Protein backbone atom coordinates (compact mmCIF):
# COMPACT_ATOMS: atom_id res chain seq x y z
CA MET A 1 -19.83 17.88 -21.58
CA ASP A 2 -22.09 15.39 -20.39
CA ASP A 3 -22.80 15.23 -16.73
CA LYS A 4 -23.03 11.98 -16.59
CA LYS A 5 -19.55 10.97 -16.79
CA MET A 6 -17.21 11.39 -14.12
CA ILE A 7 -14.16 10.77 -16.39
CA LEU A 8 -13.73 12.13 -19.84
CA LEU A 9 -10.77 11.67 -22.39
CA SER A 10 -10.96 12.88 -25.87
CA ASP A 11 -8.18 12.56 -27.85
CA VAL A 12 -5.18 12.09 -25.45
CA SER A 13 -1.60 11.37 -26.02
CA LYS A 14 1.51 11.31 -23.80
CA ILE A 15 4.66 11.65 -25.57
CA TYR A 16 7.94 11.07 -23.39
CA LYS A 17 11.36 11.24 -24.99
CA ILE A 18 13.75 9.18 -24.37
CA GLY A 19 17.16 10.47 -25.65
CA ASP A 20 16.92 10.59 -29.19
CA SER A 21 13.65 7.92 -28.93
CA VAL A 22 10.15 9.30 -28.66
CA VAL A 23 7.73 6.94 -26.73
CA ARG A 24 4.33 7.58 -27.08
CA ALA A 25 2.61 5.86 -24.08
CA LEU A 26 -0.44 6.74 -24.99
CA ASP A 27 -1.57 7.25 -28.10
CA HIS A 28 -5.10 9.72 -29.36
CA ALA A 29 -6.77 7.85 -26.42
CA ASP A 30 -10.66 8.24 -25.81
CA MET A 31 -12.50 6.96 -23.08
CA TYR A 32 -15.31 7.63 -20.27
CA VAL A 33 -16.13 6.34 -17.13
CA ASP A 34 -19.90 7.57 -15.87
CA LYS A 35 -20.96 8.56 -12.40
CA GLY A 36 -21.37 5.60 -10.57
CA GLU A 37 -19.74 2.88 -12.70
CA PHE A 38 -17.31 0.12 -11.98
CA VAL A 39 -15.00 0.03 -14.60
CA SER A 40 -11.65 -1.98 -14.79
CA VAL A 41 -8.50 -0.81 -17.55
CA ILE A 42 -6.65 -4.23 -17.96
CA GLY A 43 -3.13 -4.36 -20.15
CA PRO A 44 -0.15 -6.14 -19.89
CA SER A 45 3.18 -4.27 -17.94
CA GLY A 46 4.58 -1.98 -20.31
CA SER A 47 0.90 -0.97 -22.16
CA GLY A 48 0.52 2.36 -21.10
CA LYS A 49 -1.74 1.59 -17.86
CA SER A 50 0.61 3.87 -15.75
CA THR A 51 0.43 6.58 -17.90
CA LEU A 52 -3.40 6.68 -18.00
CA MET A 53 -3.53 6.53 -14.11
CA ASN A 54 -1.45 8.82 -13.72
CA ILE A 55 -3.25 11.31 -15.96
CA ILE A 56 -6.61 10.76 -14.39
CA GLY A 57 -5.05 10.42 -10.99
CA CYS A 58 -4.39 14.28 -11.60
CA LEU A 59 -0.18 12.99 -11.05
CA ASP A 60 0.79 14.14 -14.66
CA THR A 61 -0.92 16.05 -17.61
CA ALA A 62 -1.31 14.61 -21.18
CA THR A 63 0.77 15.99 -24.15
CA SER A 64 -2.08 16.37 -25.85
CA GLY A 65 -5.63 16.05 -25.36
CA LYS A 66 -8.53 16.96 -23.85
CA TYR A 67 -9.25 15.30 -20.08
CA PHE A 68 -12.24 16.46 -17.83
CA LEU A 69 -12.39 15.33 -14.07
CA ASP A 70 -16.53 15.36 -12.98
CA GLY A 71 -17.20 18.41 -15.45
CA GLN A 72 -13.76 20.43 -14.90
CA GLU A 73 -10.73 20.18 -17.94
CA ILE A 74 -8.11 19.68 -16.63
CA ALA A 75 -5.05 20.19 -19.01
CA ASP A 76 -4.37 23.76 -18.27
CA TYR A 77 -4.37 23.80 -14.11
CA SER A 78 -1.51 24.45 -12.00
CA LYS A 79 0.72 22.10 -9.76
CA ASN A 80 -1.16 23.50 -6.97
CA ASP A 81 -4.68 23.33 -8.41
CA LEU A 82 -3.96 19.26 -9.66
CA ALA A 83 -2.78 19.03 -5.77
CA ARG A 84 -5.66 20.24 -4.95
CA ILE A 85 -8.31 18.09 -7.01
CA ARG A 86 -5.84 14.96 -5.66
CA ASN A 87 -7.34 15.62 -2.22
CA LYS A 88 -10.62 16.47 -2.53
CA LYS A 89 -12.01 14.29 -5.50
CA ILE A 90 -9.73 11.27 -5.61
CA GLY A 91 -10.05 8.58 -3.33
CA PHE A 92 -6.19 6.16 -4.36
CA ILE A 93 -5.85 2.81 -3.42
CA PHE A 94 -2.55 1.76 -4.20
CA GLN A 95 -0.92 -1.82 -4.96
CA ASP A 96 1.76 -1.16 -1.86
CA PHE A 97 -1.00 0.60 0.61
CA ASN A 98 1.29 3.76 0.89
CA LEU A 99 0.49 3.54 4.64
CA LEU A 100 3.04 5.22 6.72
CA PRO A 101 4.70 3.22 9.23
CA LYS A 102 4.99 5.41 12.18
CA LEU A 103 1.04 5.96 12.25
CA THR A 104 -1.64 4.61 13.61
CA ALA A 105 -4.39 3.48 11.47
CA TYR A 106 -6.39 6.53 12.51
CA GLU A 107 -3.50 8.86 11.99
CA ASN A 108 -3.02 7.62 8.25
CA VAL A 109 -6.60 7.63 7.19
CA GLU A 110 -6.74 11.21 8.90
CA LEU A 111 -3.57 12.69 7.59
CA PRO A 112 -5.36 13.95 4.21
CA LEU A 113 -8.49 15.45 6.05
CA ILE A 114 -4.73 17.05 8.30
CA TYR A 115 -4.00 18.82 4.61
CA GLN A 116 -7.81 19.79 3.21
CA GLY A 117 -7.72 22.01 6.54
CA LEU A 118 -10.56 20.10 8.51
CA PRO A 119 -11.12 20.81 12.08
CA VAL A 120 -10.19 18.41 14.76
CA SER A 121 -14.01 17.35 15.60
CA LYS A 122 -14.60 17.21 11.72
CA ARG A 123 -12.02 14.74 11.18
CA LYS A 124 -12.48 12.57 13.81
CA GLU A 125 -15.77 12.28 13.15
CA GLN A 126 -15.29 10.91 9.42
CA VAL A 127 -11.76 8.92 10.08
CA GLU A 128 -14.76 7.24 12.65
CA GLU A 129 -17.42 6.75 10.20
CA ALA A 130 -14.44 5.33 7.12
CA LEU A 131 -12.90 2.96 9.76
CA ASN A 132 -16.00 1.31 10.86
CA GLN A 133 -17.27 1.38 7.45
CA ILE A 134 -14.30 -1.04 6.39
CA GLY A 135 -14.42 -2.84 9.36
CA LEU A 136 -11.38 -2.36 11.73
CA TRP A 137 -12.79 0.79 14.48
CA ASP A 138 -11.12 -1.66 17.01
CA ARG A 139 -7.93 -1.15 15.24
CA ARG A 140 -7.17 2.08 14.83
CA ASP A 141 -4.30 2.19 17.47
CA HIS A 142 -2.67 -0.42 15.27
CA LYS A 143 0.47 0.90 13.11
CA PRO A 144 0.55 -0.97 9.81
CA THR A 145 3.38 -3.52 10.99
CA GLU A 146 0.37 -4.61 13.37
CA LEU A 147 -1.84 -5.42 11.02
CA SER A 148 -2.25 -7.93 8.06
CA GLY A 149 -1.81 -7.25 4.21
CA GLY A 150 -5.79 -7.06 3.54
CA GLN A 151 -5.64 -4.56 6.83
CA GLN A 152 -3.64 -2.98 6.01
CA GLN A 153 -5.41 -2.94 2.03
CA ARG A 154 -8.35 -1.97 4.16
CA VAL A 155 -6.96 1.10 5.76
CA ALA A 156 -5.90 2.98 2.33
CA ILE A 157 -9.38 2.28 1.53
CA ALA A 158 -10.57 3.75 4.57
CA ARG A 159 -8.20 6.66 4.15
CA ALA A 160 -9.92 7.08 0.53
CA LEU A 161 -13.32 7.18 1.91
CA ALA A 162 -12.61 9.31 4.90
CA THR A 163 -11.52 12.19 2.44
CA HIS A 164 -15.66 11.81 0.42
CA PRO A 165 -13.63 11.11 -2.98
CA SER A 166 -15.70 11.37 -6.01
CA LEU A 167 -13.67 8.70 -7.81
CA PHE A 168 -11.92 6.10 -6.34
CA LEU A 169 -8.85 5.32 -8.28
CA ALA A 170 -7.39 1.30 -7.16
CA ASP A 171 -4.31 0.84 -9.27
CA GLU A 172 -3.53 -2.90 -8.97
CA PRO A 173 -5.18 -3.31 -5.00
CA THR A 174 -5.10 -6.85 -4.86
CA GLY A 175 -1.38 -7.03 -6.32
CA ASN A 176 0.25 -7.92 -3.12
CA LEU A 177 -3.00 -9.61 -1.55
CA ASP A 178 -3.36 -14.25 -1.22
CA GLN A 179 -6.46 -14.86 -3.55
CA LYS A 180 -9.15 -14.47 -0.04
CA THR A 181 -7.92 -11.42 0.97
CA GLY A 182 -7.95 -10.27 -2.52
CA GLY A 183 -12.12 -11.48 -2.87
CA MET A 184 -12.72 -9.75 0.44
CA LEU A 185 -11.20 -6.49 -1.24
CA LEU A 186 -13.60 -7.05 -4.38
CA ASP A 187 -16.69 -7.80 -2.27
CA LEU A 188 -15.89 -4.00 -0.25
CA PHE A 189 -15.18 -2.16 -3.95
CA HIS A 190 -18.61 -4.17 -4.95
CA ARG A 191 -20.43 -2.85 -2.01
CA LEU A 192 -18.89 0.34 -2.28
CA ASN A 193 -20.11 0.86 -5.60
CA GLU A 194 -24.06 -0.43 -5.22
CA GLU A 195 -23.67 2.66 -2.62
CA GLY A 196 -23.07 5.09 -5.61
CA ASN A 197 -19.56 5.27 -5.60
CA THR A 198 -17.68 6.02 -8.62
CA ILE A 199 -14.95 3.29 -9.15
CA LEU A 200 -11.59 2.98 -11.50
CA LEU A 201 -9.59 -0.31 -11.15
CA ILE A 202 -6.37 -0.57 -13.39
CA THR A 203 -4.98 -4.11 -13.20
CA HIS A 204 -3.35 -6.90 -15.66
CA ASP A 205 -5.18 -10.18 -13.98
CA ALA A 206 -8.25 -10.90 -16.27
CA LYS A 207 -10.75 -12.15 -12.69
CA VAL A 208 -9.89 -9.21 -10.99
CA ALA A 209 -11.09 -6.98 -14.41
CA LYS A 210 -13.92 -9.41 -15.08
CA GLU A 211 -15.05 -8.17 -11.69
CA ALA A 212 -16.14 -4.47 -12.83
CA SER A 213 -19.51 -3.91 -14.76
CA ARG A 214 -17.38 -2.52 -17.92
CA SER A 215 -13.48 -3.46 -18.82
CA ILE A 216 -10.95 -1.06 -21.13
CA LYS A 217 -8.28 -2.66 -22.46
CA ILE A 218 -4.97 -0.69 -23.17
CA LEU A 219 -2.03 -1.96 -25.53
CA ASP A 220 0.72 -0.19 -26.64
CA GLY A 221 -0.92 3.21 -25.71
CA HIS A 222 -4.57 2.45 -27.47
CA VAL A 223 -7.06 2.64 -25.30
CA THR A 224 -10.30 -0.15 -26.77
CA GLU A 225 -13.49 -0.86 -25.45
CA ALA A 226 -13.28 -4.42 -24.30
CA LYS A 227 -17.00 -6.22 -25.62
CA ASP A 228 -17.14 -9.30 -23.83
CA GLN A 229 -15.27 -11.84 -21.41
CA SER A 230 -12.95 -13.57 -24.53
CA GLU A 231 -11.74 -10.04 -25.01
CA ILE A 232 -10.26 -8.99 -21.47
CA GLU A 233 -8.11 -12.24 -21.57
CA GLU A 234 -6.92 -11.95 -25.20
CA VAL A 235 -5.18 -8.41 -24.08
CA VAL A 236 -2.89 -10.56 -20.57
């Protein structure tokens, strides 16, 4: 196993049985993401993006094939093992933010650290560091309804940052943002990547996909490398 690889999928398939029908959501997929890369995965609705994200994010397992995350093979892990990996290795950033409405920005960022079992002093240190990194420490006592969409997404990024993950997995992160705010978010991803973070961004937007240093196409469960910008645009 190449120790430069953060993500490595080898001949991965995911098959669902729906009644008498068989759906091959991923079809013998091969792909990799090196440590420190900023890579986008682009495909239209129904292409297999969500299935791919769920497998990479340890939310689901493949029907066949091998998946290595940060050098660890995932295939035979138990649900508890997968939960531990999600909490310690992956920083999730979702289109719908997934913030708890009754908690403040501080408490939302702190929550995964509580699950990690960190003491109060260490949690405070990491929450403060994360909120300062995305420029929202002064909004730490605000609840999600008191924040703009862009601020909520930045809190979601801070929640991912606070756990010091190996991988940031962003699923349509600009989908609910206006163009200006989405651009600011992509600038933040570039900064995080320049600081050495590995980012995998899943999108159906060709303009967003082009922000990454490399793009991977997915269509009808087939995963291939995009050779240039014209191939990115052809996918959608």
